[in-house]
Protein backbone atom coordinates (compact mmCIF):
# COMPACT_ATOMS: atom_id res chain seq x y z
CA MET A 1 18.55 -2.60 -36.66
CA ARG A 2 21.37 -4.90 -37.90
CA VAL A 3 24.91 -4.71 -36.64
CA GLY A 4 27.96 -6.63 -37.70
CA VAL A 5 31.49 -7.56 -36.59
CA LEU A 6 34.33 -7.71 -39.08
CA ALA A 7 35.35 -11.41 -38.92
CA LEU A 8 38.53 -11.72 -40.96
CA GLN A 9 40.94 -12.03 -37.98
CA GLY A 10 41.22 -11.09 -34.32
CA ASP A 11 38.79 -11.31 -31.44
CA PHE A 12 35.52 -10.90 -33.35
CA ALA A 13 33.91 -13.78 -31.39
CA GLU A 14 34.18 -11.83 -28.15
CA HIS A 15 32.33 -8.87 -29.66
CA LEU A 16 29.64 -11.19 -30.96
CA GLY A 17 29.28 -12.54 -27.46
CA ALA A 18 28.95 -8.97 -26.04
CA PHE A 19 26.13 -8.17 -28.54
CA ALA A 20 24.47 -11.48 -27.46
CA GLY A 21 24.65 -10.19 -23.92
CA CYS A 22 22.89 -7.08 -25.08
CA GLN A 23 20.18 -9.25 -26.70
CA VAL A 24 21.32 -8.21 -30.14
CA GLU A 25 22.18 -10.69 -32.89
CA ALA A 26 25.29 -9.41 -34.73
CA LEU A 27 26.35 -10.75 -38.00
CA GLU A 28 29.90 -11.95 -38.89
CA ILE A 29 31.12 -9.76 -41.79
CA ARG A 30 33.54 -11.13 -44.43
CA ARG A 31 32.24 -9.83 -47.79
CA PRO A 32 31.42 -6.31 -49.05
CA GLN A 33 27.79 -7.13 -49.85
CA GLU A 34 27.19 -8.11 -46.18
CA LEU A 35 27.58 -4.43 -45.20
CA ASP A 36 24.61 -3.30 -47.23
CA THR A 37 21.96 -3.51 -44.43
CA LEU A 38 24.02 -2.74 -41.46
CA ALA A 39 23.43 0.23 -39.11
CA GLY A 40 26.72 -0.39 -37.30
CA LEU A 41 30.05 -2.38 -37.72
CA ILE A 42 32.71 -3.25 -35.15
CA MET A 43 36.29 -3.62 -36.32
CA PRO A 44 37.87 -5.82 -33.63
CA GLY A 45 41.32 -6.10 -32.11
CA GLY A 46 43.85 -8.40 -33.83
CA GLU A 47 46.75 -7.60 -36.08
CA SER A 48 45.99 -4.39 -37.90
CA THR A 49 48.32 -4.97 -40.91
CA THR A 50 46.80 -8.39 -41.52
CA ILE A 51 43.17 -7.15 -41.18
CA GLY A 52 43.95 -4.16 -43.35
CA MET A 53 45.50 -6.43 -46.11
CA LEU A 54 42.59 -8.80 -45.96
CA MET A 55 40.09 -5.97 -46.18
CA GLU A 56 41.95 -4.61 -49.23
CA ARG A 57 42.10 -8.07 -50.89
CA PHE A 58 38.35 -8.72 -50.30
CA GLY A 59 37.10 -5.25 -51.39
CA LEU A 60 36.05 -4.29 -47.90
CA LEU A 61 38.24 -1.18 -47.48
CA GLU A 62 36.40 0.86 -50.06
CA GLN A 63 32.97 -0.57 -49.26
CA VAL A 64 33.34 0.28 -45.56
CA ARG A 65 34.27 3.90 -46.54
CA VAL A 66 31.25 4.07 -48.75
CA ARG A 67 28.91 2.82 -46.04
CA ALA A 68 30.57 5.30 -43.49
CA GLN A 69 29.70 8.10 -45.86
CA GLN A 70 26.17 6.78 -45.96
CA GLY A 71 25.91 7.00 -42.15
CA MET A 72 26.85 3.55 -40.88
CA ALA A 73 28.35 3.74 -37.37
CA ILE A 74 31.70 2.06 -36.96
CA TRP A 75 33.60 1.27 -33.71
CA GLY A 76 37.26 0.21 -33.94
CA THR A 77 38.81 -1.47 -30.92
CA CYS A 78 42.65 -1.66 -30.72
CA ALA A 79 43.56 -2.87 -34.24
CA GLY A 80 40.25 -1.47 -35.42
CA MET A 81 41.23 2.01 -34.05
CA ILE A 82 44.51 1.79 -36.01
CA LEU A 83 42.53 1.08 -39.22
CA LEU A 84 40.14 3.97 -38.65
CA ALA A 85 43.04 6.56 -38.06
CA LYS A 86 44.01 8.95 -40.90
CA ASP A 87 47.55 8.76 -39.75
CA ILE A 88 49.57 5.78 -38.41
CA VAL A 89 52.98 6.79 -37.09
CA GLY A 90 55.78 5.07 -39.07
CA SER A 91 53.43 2.90 -41.18
CA ASN A 92 51.90 2.96 -44.60
CA GLN A 93 49.74 -0.02 -44.08
CA PRO A 94 46.26 -0.24 -45.62
CA ARG A 95 43.73 1.72 -43.51
CA LEU A 96 40.29 3.25 -43.74
CA GLY A 97 41.59 6.68 -42.75
CA LEU A 98 38.09 7.84 -41.60
CA MET A 99 38.96 9.41 -38.15
CA ASP A 100 40.97 12.57 -37.75
CA ILE A 101 43.50 10.98 -35.39
CA ALA A 102 47.07 9.97 -35.44
CA VAL A 103 47.97 6.66 -33.69
CA GLU A 104 51.17 4.87 -32.90
CA ARG A 105 51.01 1.02 -32.99
CA ASN A 106 51.93 -1.10 -29.98
CA ALA A 107 53.01 2.12 -27.97
CA TYR A 108 51.82 0.73 -24.69
CA GLY A 109 54.38 -2.16 -24.97
CA ARG A 110 54.54 -5.83 -25.95
CA GLN A 111 52.06 -8.47 -25.02
CA ILE A 112 53.75 -9.24 -21.79
CA GLU A 113 53.19 -5.56 -20.74
CA SER A 114 49.42 -5.83 -21.15
CA PHE A 115 47.42 -4.36 -18.31
CA GLU A 116 44.02 -3.23 -17.04
CA ALA A 117 43.06 0.17 -15.92
CA PRO A 118 39.75 1.84 -14.60
CA LEU A 119 38.55 4.48 -17.04
CA THR A 120 36.04 7.19 -16.54
CA VAL A 121 34.10 7.64 -19.79
CA LYS A 122 32.10 10.71 -20.83
CA GLY A 123 28.52 9.79 -21.31
CA ILE A 124 28.70 6.48 -19.50
CA GLU A 125 27.11 6.31 -15.98
CA GLY A 126 27.64 3.75 -13.29
CA GLY A 127 31.31 4.33 -12.43
CA PRO A 128 34.56 3.52 -14.24
CA ILE A 129 34.80 0.75 -16.85
CA THR A 130 37.78 -1.57 -17.03
CA GLY A 131 40.08 -0.93 -19.93
CA VAL A 132 42.00 -4.03 -21.10
CA PHE A 133 45.18 -2.87 -22.91
CA ILE A 134 46.96 -5.48 -25.02
CA ARG A 135 49.68 -4.21 -27.39
CA ALA A 136 47.45 -1.19 -27.53
CA PRO A 137 47.92 1.88 -29.86
CA VAL A 138 48.44 5.31 -28.39
CA VAL A 139 46.52 8.29 -29.84
CA ARG A 140 49.19 10.86 -30.60
CA SER A 141 46.86 13.62 -31.93
CA VAL A 142 43.24 14.26 -32.16
CA GLY A 143 41.72 16.60 -34.82
CA PRO A 144 39.13 19.32 -34.05
CA GLU A 145 36.20 17.16 -35.21
CA CYS A 146 37.13 14.36 -32.83
CA GLU A 147 35.99 14.24 -29.15
CA VAL A 148 37.96 12.60 -26.49
CA LEU A 149 35.54 10.42 -24.31
CA SER A 150 38.20 8.88 -22.05
CA GLU A 151 41.95 9.19 -21.29
CA HIS A 152 44.51 7.13 -19.44
CA GLY A 153 47.71 8.72 -18.19
CA GLY A 154 46.88 11.83 -20.03
CA GLU A 155 46.53 10.11 -23.35
CA PRO A 156 43.17 9.69 -25.24
CA VAL A 157 42.07 6.04 -25.28
CA LEU A 158 38.48 6.43 -26.41
CA VAL A 159 37.48 9.01 -29.15
CA GLN A 160 34.44 9.73 -31.14
CA GLN A 161 33.90 11.56 -34.43
CA GLY A 162 30.27 11.70 -35.48
CA ARG A 163 29.17 8.08 -35.81
CA LEU A 164 32.76 6.70 -35.53
CA LEU A 165 34.08 5.42 -32.25
CA ALA A 166 37.64 4.12 -31.56
CA SER A 167 39.11 2.63 -28.42
CA SER A 168 42.76 1.68 -27.62
CA PHE A 169 41.48 -1.01 -25.20
CA HIS A 170 39.31 -4.08 -25.42
CA PRO A 171 35.95 -3.75 -23.73
CA GLU A 172 34.69 -6.99 -25.27
CA LEU A 173 37.19 -8.80 -22.90
CA THR A 174 35.19 -7.70 -19.88
CA GLU A 175 31.63 -8.47 -18.65
CA ASP A 176 30.73 -4.80 -18.76
CA LEU A 177 28.37 -4.13 -21.68
CA ARG A 178 28.09 -0.38 -21.35
CA LEU A 179 30.17 0.60 -24.27
CA HIS A 180 28.47 -1.98 -26.56
CA ARG A 181 25.14 -0.43 -25.60
CA TYR A 182 26.58 3.08 -26.17
CA PHE A 183 27.61 1.82 -29.75
CA LEU A 184 24.19 0.35 -30.33
CA ALA A 185 22.63 3.72 -29.42
CA LEU A 186 24.99 5.48 -31.68
CA ALA A 187 24.14 3.09 -34.55
CA ALA A 188 20.37 3.52 -33.95
CA TYR A 189 20.36 7.28 -33.54
CA PRO A 190 22.60 9.17 -35.99
CA GLU A 191 22.20 12.55 -34.24
CA ARG A 192 23.96 11.36 -31.15
C-alpha cells in the first residue's frame, strides 16, 4: 500500500514523520501522475488559498477528484479540511469540494489564539487525543452522508464521509500516531 502527502506548501514534513513513526514510507506528492498508485493522500495544514491555487496550477485539483472517485482515501488537516469542503463561508477559493461540509476559515482565531484540547474520538481507543488548533477552521454544517467523529465545544472537529477524513486540528504536531494509523486502515480497507 502506498500513501502520499501533498507537498506544495504547509506542514507536509510533519505528516511524513508521523507515517515514518508508523513504519510506513509516504511519498511527497507534487504532480498529478504521482497520485496514480496511491491508496491514500494527506492534504496538510498550511494556507488553503495558496495550496488550492497551486493545485489548480499544477493540475492536481481535477486529478485528486478523479482518484477520490476511484476510491483513494483522503485526509485533510486544517487547510486540507477547507480544501475538501463543498462550501467555504465567504470564499470562492479553489477547492476539491468532495465532502458535504461547510467550513469557516480561521474561525477559532488568529495564530496567537492557537490552543490544544483533549478530544474524544469515535473509533479511537486509549483515551483522548490532543487536538492542536492553529488558525483552525470551524465546521458550520455537516451533510447527512458525513459522520462526526469528534467535537470540541459542541462544534465538529473531525468528520468522515466514506474514505474521506477531515480534521480542524493538527494531529501531526503531536507524538500520538493513532489518527495516522486510523487513516492507514481507512486507506487499506475501503469498506471501513
